[in-house]
Protein backbone atom coordinates (compact mmCIF):
# COMPACT_ATOMS: atom_id res chain seq x y z
CA UNK A 1 66.13 233.86 289.55
CA UNK A 2 69.63 235.27 289.11
CA UNK A 3 70.71 238.74 290.43
CA UNK A 4 69.28 241.32 287.91
CA UNK A 5 71.38 243.33 285.60
CA UNK A 6 72.24 246.83 286.78
CA UNK A 7 71.73 249.77 284.48
CA UNK A 8 73.01 253.37 284.99
CA UNK A 9 72.63 256.34 282.72
CA UNK A 10 75.60 258.80 283.09
CA UNK A 11 76.86 262.01 281.65
CA UNK A 12 80.68 262.27 281.47
CA UNK A 13 82.33 265.19 283.00
CA UNK A 14 85.82 266.45 281.73
CA UNK A 15 88.23 265.38 279.02
CA UNK A 16 87.49 264.82 275.19
CA UNK A 17 84.06 263.10 276.13
CA UNK A 18 82.86 265.96 278.27
CA UNK A 19 79.14 266.09 278.23
CA UNK A 20 78.75 262.74 276.45
CA UNK A 21 76.07 260.33 277.51
CA UNK A 22 76.97 256.78 278.63
CA UNK A 23 74.81 253.87 279.57
CA UNK A 24 76.56 251.36 281.78
CA UNK A 25 75.16 247.81 282.08
CA UNK A 26 76.52 245.08 284.43
CA UNK A 27 75.29 241.63 285.09
CA UNK A 28 75.94 238.66 287.35
CA UNK A 29 78.11 236.93 284.70
CA UNK A 30 80.79 239.51 285.21
CA UNK A 31 79.88 241.34 281.96
CA UNK A 32 80.24 245.23 281.93
CA UNK A 33 79.03 247.09 278.77
CA UNK A 34 79.39 250.73 278.00
CA UNK A 35 76.84 251.93 275.49
CA UNK A 36 77.37 255.21 273.69
CA UNK A 37 74.16 257.03 272.88
CA UNK A 38 76.07 259.99 271.34
CA UNK A 39 77.59 257.58 268.89
CA UNK A 40 74.56 255.80 267.52
CA UNK A 41 74.27 253.66 270.74
CA UNK A 42 77.49 251.83 269.65
CA UNK A 43 79.25 249.47 271.96
CA UNK A 44 82.13 251.28 273.83
CA UNK A 45 84.44 249.36 276.25
CA UNK A 46 83.24 245.87 277.17
CA UNK A 47 84.78 243.97 280.06
CA UNK A 48 84.36 240.40 281.33
CA UNK A 49 85.29 239.89 284.86
CA UNK A 50 87.23 243.12 284.78
CA UNK A 51 89.24 242.33 281.64
CA UNK A 52 88.65 244.80 278.78
CA UNK A 53 88.45 243.46 275.20
CA UNK A 54 87.52 246.42 273.04
CA UNK A 55 90.04 248.60 271.40
CA UNK A 56 90.02 252.26 272.57
CA UNK A 57 92.43 254.59 270.75
CA UNK A 58 94.20 257.75 272.05
CA UNK A 59 91.17 259.86 271.47
CA UNK A 60 89.06 257.75 273.86
CA UNK A 61 85.38 257.09 273.09
CA UNK A 62 84.33 260.79 272.64
CA UNK A 63 81.78 261.51 269.87
CA UNK A 64 83.57 262.71 266.65
CA UNK A 65 82.87 265.71 264.77
CA UNK A 66 82.08 265.52 261.02
CA UNK A 67 85.38 264.87 259.15
CA UNK A 68 86.88 262.98 262.16
CA UNK A 69 85.32 259.61 261.60
CA UNK A 70 88.66 257.87 261.57
CA UNK A 71 89.12 259.07 265.18
CA UNK A 72 85.76 257.62 266.22
CA UNK A 73 86.24 253.95 265.34
CA UNK A 74 87.15 252.82 268.92
CA UNK A 75 84.93 250.71 271.04
CA UNK A 76 83.85 247.09 270.56
CA UNK A 77 81.32 247.96 267.81
CA UNK A 78 81.05 250.98 265.53
CA UNK A 79 78.09 251.33 263.09
CA UNK A 80 79.35 252.42 259.72
CA UNK A 81 77.28 253.74 256.76
CA UNK A 82 74.47 254.40 255.77
CA UNK A 83 75.64 257.04 253.35
CA UNK A 84 79.05 255.47 252.73
CA UNK A 85 81.13 252.49 253.97
CA UNK A 86 84.63 252.83 252.36
CA UNK A 87 87.56 255.18 252.30
CA UNK A 88 86.81 258.91 252.37
CA UNK A 89 85.64 260.45 249.11
CA UNK A 90 84.00 263.28 247.35
CA UNK A 91 80.84 262.09 245.32
CA UNK A 92 78.06 264.10 243.71
CA UNK A 93 79.05 267.33 245.38
CA UNK A 94 79.31 265.74 248.88
CA UNK A 95 82.19 264.63 251.05
CA UNK A 96 81.79 261.28 252.72
CA UNK A 97 84.03 260.38 255.77
CA UNK A 98 85.92 257.14 256.34
CA UNK A 99 83.16 254.44 256.66
CA UNK A 100 80.31 256.87 256.43
CA UNK A 101 78.82 258.98 259.12
CA UNK A 102 76.16 256.88 260.97
CA UNK A 103 78.22 256.57 264.09
CA UNK A 104 78.40 260.36 264.23
CA UNK A 105 74.68 260.54 264.85
CA UNK A 106 73.22 260.88 268.33
CA UNK A 107 70.64 258.34 269.40
CA UNK A 108 67.31 259.17 270.98
CA UNK A 109 67.14 256.68 273.88
CA UNK A 110 63.43 255.75 274.02
CA UNK A 111 63.73 253.15 276.84
CA UNK A 112 66.36 251.83 279.12
CA UNK A 113 65.15 249.42 281.78
CA UNK A 114 65.75 246.16 283.68
CA UNK A 115 62.99 243.76 282.73
CA UNK A 116 61.23 241.42 285.09
CA UNK A 117 63.50 238.48 284.07
CA UNK A 118 66.46 240.52 285.17
CA UNK A 119 67.82 241.36 281.76
CA UNK A 120 68.70 244.88 280.69
CA UNK A 121 66.88 246.35 277.62
CA UNK A 122 67.70 249.52 275.74
CA UNK A 123 65.85 250.79 272.73
CA UNK A 124 67.04 253.85 270.76
CA UNK A 125 66.21 255.55 267.39
CA UNK A 126 68.76 257.17 265.23
CA UNK A 127 67.86 259.41 262.15
CA UNK A 128 70.33 260.26 259.45
CA UNK A 129 70.06 261.67 255.99
CA UNK A 130 71.97 263.24 253.12
CA UNK A 131 70.81 266.62 251.78
CA UNK A 132 69.04 266.00 248.51
CA UNK A 133 69.49 262.20 248.96
CA UNK A 134 68.40 259.38 251.12
CA UNK A 135 67.39 259.32 254.72
CA UNK A 136 67.24 256.44 257.12
CA UNK A 137 65.89 255.62 260.64
CA UNK A 138 67.66 253.05 262.69
CA UNK A 139 65.89 251.48 265.65
CA UNK A 140 68.46 249.59 267.80
CA UNK A 141 67.51 247.23 270.52
CA UNK A 142 70.10 245.90 272.81
CA UNK A 143 69.49 243.14 275.37
CA UNK A 144 71.85 241.93 278.05
CA UNK A 145 70.81 238.87 280.02
CA UNK A 146 70.98 238.89 283.75
CA UNK A 147 73.31 235.87 284.10
CA UNK A 148 75.10 235.23 280.79
CA UNK A 149 78.07 237.08 279.13
CA UNK A 150 76.12 237.92 276.04
CA UNK A 151 75.02 241.05 274.18
CA UNK A 152 72.11 240.83 271.68
CA UNK A 153 71.76 243.58 269.27
CA UNK A 154 68.76 243.91 266.96
CA UNK A 155 68.95 246.60 264.24
CA UNK A 156 65.86 247.64 262.12
CA UNK A 157 66.60 250.19 259.27
CA UNK A 158 63.94 252.00 257.41
CA UNK A 159 64.89 253.77 254.17
CA UNK A 160 62.72 256.81 254.45
CA UNK A 161 63.68 258.73 251.32
CA UNK A 162 65.02 256.40 248.71
CA UNK A 163 67.89 257.41 246.48
CA UNK A 164 70.60 255.63 244.49
CA UNK A 165 68.56 252.53 243.94
CA UNK A 166 66.92 251.97 247.32
CA UNK A 167 70.09 250.66 249.03
CA UNK A 168 71.39 250.79 252.56
CA UNK A 169 75.13 250.57 252.95
CA UNK A 170 75.82 249.17 256.36
CA UNK A 171 79.03 247.94 257.96
CA UNK A 172 79.74 246.96 261.54
CA UNK A 173 83.27 247.70 262.55
CA UNK A 174 84.39 245.34 265.41
CA UNK A 175 87.49 246.42 267.28
CA UNK A 176 89.17 243.88 269.57
CA UNK A 177 91.90 245.29 271.86
CA UNK A 178 94.48 244.22 274.33
CA UNK A 179 94.77 241.92 276.07
CA UNK A 180 92.41 239.76 274.03
CA UNK A 181 93.89 240.71 270.62
CA UNK A 182 97.37 239.61 271.92
């Protein structure tokens, strides 16, 4: 059996991400993944054998405040939606930020463990809703094998209070950075 993945739950101290939660997972294949529970359990920086390949902007990976979504698109994967997925706009008395506000939501981490097969498994729930409109529950499951450079993400979305024709607007923003993007 390969060396099991390692999983650490941390809280950052200082800087723009002060107080933010971070789940760091590493495995025997040289994969290192930073998961961001305060940003919908999105993927932050990801490295393979020490080489980073996610774009991280000048604001780092700190959680954004409402109205600052354009500052929060860093990291390998950012969950956009479910209230909006395009440019910022005002609609029906509400203001919708760039790409929606799902990644502004904090995840409730329900479980984070190393399984008997050595893989790391993280499960979290994110609830989001619009006043007088729809509400959604996202259950995200992330699995990182013990010995392969892979990340499996499984999202299950429940539309809890339908509005606007029972639709879910979802967009996954993938941000490749240097040196990979070069």
